[in-house]
């Protein structure tokens, strides 16, 4: 950010609650809209992870053979 003198983090940023609605040709103006809530009751981060194929598996309980 040149005006505020702030450094942006390296790499691409992942937006979970916003999505880009419009960007001018020279990227001076960018407009975002808030993403709608998920139908399944997941948080927006969980829904985004599922969409990217990074769905978390449920932890399985390890059984010991000495019972």
PDB file of N, CA and C in Angstrom:
ATOM      1  N   UNK A   1       0.847  -1.164   0.000  1.00  0.00           N
ATOM      2  CA  UNK A   1       0.000   0.000   0.000  1.00  0.00           C
ATOM      3  C   UNK A   1       0.896   1.231   0.000  1.00  0.00           C
ATOM      4  N   UNK A   2       0.902   1.940  -1.057  1.00  0.00           N
ATOM      5  CA  UNK A   2       1.808   3.085  -1.189  1.00  0.00           C
ATOM      6  C   UNK A   2       1.389   4.268  -0.326  1.00  0.00           C
ATOM      7  N   UNK A   3       0.102   4.516  -0.202  1.00  0.00           N
ATOM      8  CA  UNK A   3      -0.368   5.689   0.534  1.00  0.00           C
ATOM      9  C   UNK A   3      -0.045   5.571   2.019  1.00  0.00           C
ATOM     10  N   UNK A   4      -0.339   4.435   2.615  1.00  0.00           N
ATOM     11  CA  UNK A   4      -0.109   4.249   4.052  1.00  0.00           C
ATOM     12  C   UNK A   4       1.275   3.713   4.358  1.00  0.00           C
ATOM     13  N   UNK A   5       2.009   3.308   3.358  1.00  0.00           N
ATOM     14  CA  UNK A   5       3.340   2.769   3.576  1.00  0.00           C
ATOM     15  C   UNK A   5       3.327   1.390   4.212  1.00  0.00           C
ATOM     16  N   UNK A   6       2.236   0.661   4.052  1.00  0.00           N
ATOM     17  CA  UNK A   6       2.113  -0.671   4.655  1.00  0.00           C
ATOM     18  C   UNK A   6       2.562  -1.728   3.658  1.00  0.00           C
ATOM     19  N   UNK A   7       3.218  -2.750   4.168  1.00  0.00           N
ATOM     20  CA  UNK A   7       3.662  -3.865   3.329  1.00  0.00           C
ATOM     21  C   UNK A   7       2.574  -4.928   3.303  1.00  0.00           C
ATOM     22  N   UNK A   8       2.315  -5.471   2.138  1.00  0.00           N
ATOM     23  CA  UNK A   8       1.358  -6.560   2.004  1.00  0.00           C
ATOM     24  C   UNK A   8       2.068  -7.877   2.251  1.00  0.00           C
ATOM     25  N   UNK A   9       1.369  -8.856   2.810  1.00  0.00           N
ATOM     26  CA  UNK A   9       2.003 -10.157   3.021  1.00  0.00           C
ATOM     27  C   UNK A   9       2.321 -10.823   1.685  1.00  0.00           C
ATOM     28  N   UNK A  10       3.410 -11.585   1.621  1.00  0.00           N
ATOM     29  CA  UNK A  10       3.763 -12.247   0.361  1.00  0.00           C
ATOM     30  C   UNK A  10       2.748 -13.336   0.015  1.00  0.00           C
ATOM     31  N   UNK A  11       2.604 -13.598  -1.265  1.00  0.00           N
ATOM     32  CA  UNK A  11       1.698 -14.657  -1.708  1.00  0.00           C
ATOM     33  C   UNK A  11       0.279 -14.151  -1.885  1.00  0.00           C
ATOM     34  N   UNK A  12      -0.593 -15.053  -2.262  1.00  0.00           N
ATOM     35  CA  UNK A  12      -1.993 -14.711  -2.481  1.00  0.00           C
ATOM     36  C   UNK A  12      -2.763 -14.757  -1.171  1.00  0.00           C
ATOM     37  N   UNK A  13      -3.659 -13.816  -1.002  1.00  0.00           N
ATOM     38  CA  UNK A  13      -4.512 -13.789   0.177  1.00  0.00           C
ATOM     39  C   UNK A  13      -5.764 -14.606  -0.103  1.00  0.00           C
ATOM     40  N   UNK A  14      -6.241 -15.331   0.886  1.00  0.00           N
ATOM     41  CA  UNK A  14      -7.477 -16.099   0.771  1.00  0.00           C
ATOM     42  C   UNK A  14      -8.595 -15.320   1.448  1.00  0.00           C
ATOM     43  N   UNK A  15      -9.642 -15.008   0.704  1.00  0.00           N
ATOM     44  CA  UNK A  15     -10.784 -14.307   1.262  1.00  0.00           C
ATOM     45  C   UNK A  15     -11.872 -15.324   1.565  1.00  0.00           C
ATOM     46  N   UNK A  16     -12.304 -15.372   2.830  1.00  0.00           N
ATOM     47  CA  UNK A  16     -13.337 -16.322   3.220  1.00  0.00           C
ATOM     48  C   UNK A  16     -14.696 -15.655   3.351  1.00  0.00           C
ATOM     49  N   UNK A  17     -14.738 -14.396   3.759  1.00  0.00           N
ATOM     50  CA  UNK A  17     -16.015 -13.739   3.993  1.00  0.00           C
ATOM     51  C   UNK A  17     -16.382 -12.749   2.905  1.00  0.00           C
ATOM     52  N   UNK A  18     -15.434 -12.401   2.058  1.00  0.00           N
ATOM     53  CA  UNK A  18     -15.689 -11.451   0.976  1.00  0.00           C
ATOM     54  C   UNK A  18     -15.330 -12.073  -0.356  1.00  0.00           C
ATOM     55  N   UNK A  19     -15.995 -11.587  -1.406  1.00  0.00           N
ATOM     56  CA  UNK A  19     -15.587 -11.975  -2.747  1.00  0.00           C
ATOM     57  C   UNK A  19     -15.546 -10.726  -3.611  1.00  0.00           C
ATOM     58  N   UNK A  20     -14.662 -10.739  -4.563  1.00  0.00           N
ATOM     59  CA  UNK A  20     -14.465  -9.580  -5.412  1.00  0.00           C
ATOM     60  C   UNK A  20     -15.651  -9.434  -6.350  1.00  0.00           C
ATOM     61  N   UNK A  21     -16.261  -8.251  -6.360  1.00  0.00           N
ATOM     62  CA  UNK A  21     -17.403  -7.992  -7.227  1.00  0.00           C
ATOM     63  C   UNK A  21     -16.977  -7.218  -8.475  1.00  0.00           C
ATOM     64  N   UNK A  22     -16.020  -6.294  -8.328  1.00  0.00           N
ATOM     65  CA  UNK A  22     -15.589  -5.480  -9.461  1.00  0.00           C
ATOM     66  C   UNK A  22     -14.197  -4.935  -9.194  1.00  0.00           C
ATOM     67  N   UNK A  23     -13.370  -4.887 -10.221  1.00  0.00           N
ATOM     68  CA  UNK A  23     -12.050  -4.271 -10.154  1.00  0.00           C
ATOM     69  C   UNK A  23     -11.838  -3.473 -11.431  1.00  0.00           C
ATOM     70  N   UNK A  24     -11.344  -2.248 -11.291  1.00  0.00           N
ATOM     71  CA  UNK A  24     -11.064  -1.443 -12.471  1.00  0.00           C
ATOM     72  C   UNK A  24      -9.883  -2.038 -13.229  1.00  0.00           C
ATOM     73  N   UNK A  25      -9.698  -1.599 -14.453  1.00  0.00           N
ATOM     74  CA  UNK A  25      -8.631  -2.139 -15.294  1.00  0.00           C
ATOM     75  C   UNK A  25      -7.245  -1.960 -14.677  1.00  0.00           C
ATOM     76  N   UNK A  26      -7.021  -0.843 -14.008  1.00  0.00           N
ATOM     77  CA  UNK A  26      -5.700  -0.599 -13.425  1.00  0.00           C
ATOM     78  C   UNK A  26      -5.661  -0.872 -11.919  1.00  0.00           C
ATOM     79  N   UNK A  27      -6.650  -1.534 -11.375  1.00  0.00           N
ATOM     80  CA  UNK A  27      -6.731  -2.004  -9.988  1.00  0.00           C
ATOM     81  C   UNK A  27      -6.711  -0.872  -8.959  1.00  0.00           C
ATOM     82  N   UNK A  28      -7.097   0.333  -9.356  1.00  0.00           N
ATOM     83  CA  UNK A  28      -7.147   1.424  -8.385  1.00  0.00           C
ATOM     84  C   UNK A  28      -8.382   1.281  -7.502  1.00  0.00           C
ATOM     85  N   UNK A  29      -9.495   0.871  -8.091  1.00  0.00           N
ATOM     86  CA  UNK A  29     -10.737   0.692  -7.333  1.00  0.00           C
ATOM     87  C   UNK A  29     -11.109  -0.782  -7.347  1.00  0.00           C
ATOM     88  N   UNK A  30     -11.340  -1.333  -6.157  1.00  0.00           N
ATOM     89  CA  UNK A  30     -11.792  -2.721  -6.029  1.00  0.00           C
ATOM     90  C   UNK A  30     -13.008  -2.731  -5.120  1.00  0.00           C
ATOM     91  N   UNK A  31     -14.063  -3.382  -5.562  1.00  0.00           N
ATOM     92  CA  UNK A  31     -15.299  -3.466  -4.790  1.00  0.00           C
ATOM     93  C   UNK A  31     -15.537  -4.921  -4.440  1.00  0.00           C
ATOM     94  N   UNK A  32     -15.866  -5.163  -3.180  1.00  0.00           N
ATOM     95  CA  UNK A  32     -16.106  -6.516  -2.682  1.00  0.00           C
ATOM     96  C   UNK A  32     -17.532  -6.623  -2.184  1.00  0.00           C
ATOM     97  N   UNK A  33     -18.061  -7.846  -2.176  1.00  0.00           N
ATOM     98  CA  UNK A  33     -19.361  -8.092  -1.555  1.00  0.00           C
ATOM     99  C   UNK A  33     -19.203  -9.209  -0.538  1.00  0.00           C
ATOM    100  N   UNK A  34     -20.060  -9.178   0.469  1.00  0.00           N
ATOM    101  CA  UNK A  34     -20.018 -10.183   1.524  1.00  0.00           C
ATOM    102  C   UNK A  34     -20.636 -11.468   0.986  1.00  0.00           C
ATOM    103  N   UNK A  35     -19.948 -12.583   1.204  1.00  0.00           N
ATOM    104  CA  UNK A  35     -20.463 -13.872   0.749  1.00  0.00           C
ATOM    105  C   UNK A  35     -21.687 -14.260   1.569  1.00  0.00           C
ATOM    106  N   UNK A  36     -22.649 -14.953   0.956  1.00  0.00           N
ATOM    107  CA  UNK A  36     -23.822 -15.402   1.719  1.00  0.00           C
ATOM    108  C   UNK A  36     -23.439 -16.514   2.688  1.00  0.00           C
ATOM    109  N   UNK A  37     -24.269 -16.707   3.709  1.00  0.00           N
ATOM    110  CA  UNK A  37     -24.025 -17.769   4.679  1.00  0.00           C
ATOM    111  C   UNK A  37     -24.187 -19.129   4.016  1.00  0.00           C
ATOM    112  N   UNK A  38     -23.520 -20.117   4.547  1.00  0.00           N
ATOM    113  CA  UNK A  38     -23.560 -21.469   4.012  1.00  0.00           C
ATOM    114  C   UNK A  38     -24.875 -22.147   4.389  1.00  0.00           C
ATOM    115  N   UNK A  39     -25.461 -22.909   3.469  1.00  0.00           N
ATOM    116  CA  UNK A  39     -26.734 -23.600   3.722  1.00  0.00           C
ATOM    117  C   UNK A  39     -26.591 -24.700   4.761  1.00  0.00           C
ATOM    118  N   UNK A  40     -25.409 -25.277   4.887  1.00  0.00           N
ATOM    119  CA  UNK A  40     -25.211 -26.434   5.751  1.00  0.00           C
ATOM    120  C   UNK A  40     -24.780 -26.061   7.163  1.00  0.00           C
ATOM    121  N   UNK A  41     -24.729 -24.778   7.475  1.00  0.00           N
ATOM    122  CA  UNK A  41     -24.367 -24.353   8.819  1.00  0.00           C
ATOM    123  C   UNK A  41     -22.872 -24.312   9.083  1.00  0.00           C
ATOM    124  N   UNK A  42     -22.056 -24.475   8.032  1.00  0.00           N
ATOM    125  CA  UNK A  42     -20.602 -24.411   8.206  1.00  0.00           C
ATOM    126  C   UNK A  42     -20.168 -22.955   8.274  1.00  0.00           C
ATOM    127  N   UNK A  43     -19.016 -22.720   8.887  1.00  0.00           N
ATOM    128  CA  UNK A  43     -18.446 -21.380   8.839  1.00  0.00           C
ATOM    129  C   UNK A  43     -17.949 -21.140   7.420  1.00  0.00           C
ATOM    130  N   UNK A  44     -17.719 -19.887   7.089  1.00  0.00           N
ATOM    131  CA  UNK A  44     -17.245 -19.581   5.742  1.00  0.00           C
ATOM    132  C   UNK A  44     -15.863 -20.171   5.493  1.00  0.00           C
ATOM    133  N   UNK A  45     -15.027 -20.274   6.544  1.00  0.00           N
ATOM    134  CA  UNK A  45     -13.711 -20.882   6.397  1.00  0.00           C
ATOM    135  C   UNK A  45     -13.842 -22.373   6.099  1.00  0.00           C
ATOM    136  N   UNK A  46     -14.761 -23.064   6.781  1.00  0.00           N
ATOM    137  CA  UNK A  46     -14.964 -24.493   6.537  1.00  0.00           C
ATOM    138  C   UNK A  46     -15.514 -24.731   5.136  1.00  0.00           C
ATOM    139  N   UNK A  47     -16.440 -23.896   4.697  1.00  0.00           N
ATOM    140  CA  UNK A  47     -17.005 -24.042   3.361  1.00  0.00           C
ATOM    141  C   UNK A  47     -15.943 -23.795   2.296  1.00  0.00           C
ATOM    142  N   UNK A  48     -15.067 -22.804   2.512  1.00  0.00           N
ATOM    143  CA  UNK A  48     -13.994 -22.522   1.558  1.00  0.00           C
ATOM    144  C   UNK A  48     -12.999 -23.670   1.516  1.00  0.00           C
ATOM    145  N   UNK A  49     -12.671 -24.246   2.669  1.00  0.00           N
ATOM    146  CA  UNK A  49     -11.737 -25.374   2.711  1.00  0.00           C
ATOM    147  C   UNK A  49     -12.323 -26.577   1.985  1.00  0.00           C
ATOM    148  N   UNK A  50     -13.613 -26.809   2.144  1.00  0.00           N
ATOM    149  CA  UNK A  50     -14.262 -27.918   1.449  1.00  0.00           C
ATOM    150  C   UNK A  50     -14.234 -27.676  -0.059  1.00  0.00           C
ATOM    151  N   UNK A  51     -14.489 -26.438  -0.469  1.00  0.00           N
ATOM    152  CA  UNK A  51     -14.469 -26.093  -1.886  1.00  0.00           C
ATOM    153  C   UNK A  51     -13.095 -26.247  -2.508  1.00  0.00           C
ATOM    154  N   UNK A  52     -12.045 -26.072  -1.708  1.00  0.00           N
ATOM    155  CA  UNK A  52     -10.676 -26.224  -2.200  1.00  0.00           C
ATOM    156  C   UNK A  52     -10.191 -27.660  -2.101  1.00  0.00           C
ATOM    157  N   UNK A  53     -11.028 -28.557  -1.584  1.00  0.00           N
ATOM    158  CA  UNK A  53     -10.638 -29.954  -1.448  1.00  0.00           C
ATOM    159  C   UNK A  53      -9.833 -30.231  -0.203  1.00  0.00           C
ATOM    160  N   UNK A  54      -9.905 -29.342   0.783  1.00  0.00           N
ATOM    161  CA  UNK A  54      -9.134 -29.513   2.016  1.00  0.00           C
ATOM    162  C   UNK A  54     -10.061 -29.867   3.171  1.00  0.00           C
ATOM    163  N   UNK A  55     -11.022 -30.709   2.901  1.00  0.00           N
ATOM    164  CA  UNK A  55     -11.982 -31.110   3.930  1.00  0.00           C
ATOM    165  C   UNK A  55     -11.262 -31.878   5.025  1.00  0.00           C
ATOM    166  N   UNK A  56     -11.547 -31.525   6.276  1.00  0.00           N
ATOM    167  CA  UNK A  56     -10.916 -32.214   7.401  1.00  0.00           C
ATOM    168  C   UNK A  56     -11.624 -33.532   7.650  1.00  0.00           C
ATOM    169  N   UNK A  57     -10.857 -34.543   7.921  1.00  0.00           N
ATOM    170  CA  UNK A  57     -11.427 -35.835   8.282  1.00  0.00           C
ATOM    171  C   UNK A  57     -11.673 -35.872   9.777  1.00  0.00           C
ATOM    172  N   UNK A  58     -12.679 -36.612  10.159  1.00  0.00           N
ATOM    173  CA  UNK A  58     -12.945 -36.789  11.586  1.00  0.00           C
ATOM    174  C   UNK A  58     -11.829 -37.633  12.178  1.00  0.00           C
ATOM    175  N   UNK A  59     -11.427 -37.306  13.384  1.00  0.00           N
ATOM    176  CA  UNK A  59     -10.358 -38.063  14.031  1.00  0.00           C
ATOM    177  C   UNK A  59     -10.871 -39.452  14.366  1.00  0.00           C
ATOM    178  N   UNK A  60     -10.104 -40.446  14.018  1.00  0.00           N
ATOM    179  CA  UNK A  60     -10.496 -41.814  14.353  1.00  0.00           C
ATOM    180  C   UNK A  60      -9.827 -42.213  15.657  1.00  0.00           C
ATOM    181  N   UNK A  61     -10.564 -42.960  16.448  1.00  0.00           N
ATOM    182  CA  UNK A  61     -10.008 -43.421  17.719  1.00  0.00           C
ATOM    183  C   UNK A  61      -9.201 -44.679  17.463  1.00  0.00           C
ATOM    184  N   UNK A  62      -8.014 -44.712  17.980  1.00  0.00           N
ATOM    185  CA  UNK A  62      -7.133 -45.863  17.800  1.00  0.00           C
ATOM    186  C   UNK A  62      -7.451 -46.894  18.878  1.00  0.00           C
ATOM    187  N   UNK A  63      -7.689 -48.089  18.444  1.00  0.00           N
ATOM    188  CA  UNK A  63      -7.983 -49.161  19.398  1.00  0.00           C
ATOM    189  C   UNK A  63      -6.708 -49.902  19.743  1.00  0.00           C
ATOM    190  N   UNK A  64      -6.564 -50.189  20.997  1.00  0.00           N
ATOM    191  CA  UNK A  64      -5.395 -50.973  21.398  1.00  0.00           C
ATOM    192  C   UNK A  64      -5.778 -52.443  21.399  1.00  0.00           C
ATOM    193  N   UNK A  65      -4.881 -53.299  21.020  1.00  0.00           N
ATOM    194  CA  UNK A  65      -5.148 -54.730  20.931  1.00  0.00           C
ATOM    195  C   UNK A  65      -5.003 -55.456  22.255  1.00  0.00           C
ATOM    196  N   UNK A  66      -4.748 -54.739  23.331  1.00  0.00           N
ATOM    197  CA  UNK A  66      -4.519 -55.368  24.637  1.00  0.00           C
ATOM    198  C   UNK A  66      -5.746 -55.324  25.539  1.00  0.00           C
ATOM    199  N   UNK A  67      -6.948 -55.281  25.009  1.00  0.00           N
ATOM    200  CA  UNK A  67      -8.154 -55.210  25.854  1.00  0.00           C
ATOM    201  C   UNK A  67      -8.531 -56.526  26.394  1.00  0.00           C
TER     202      UNK A  67
END
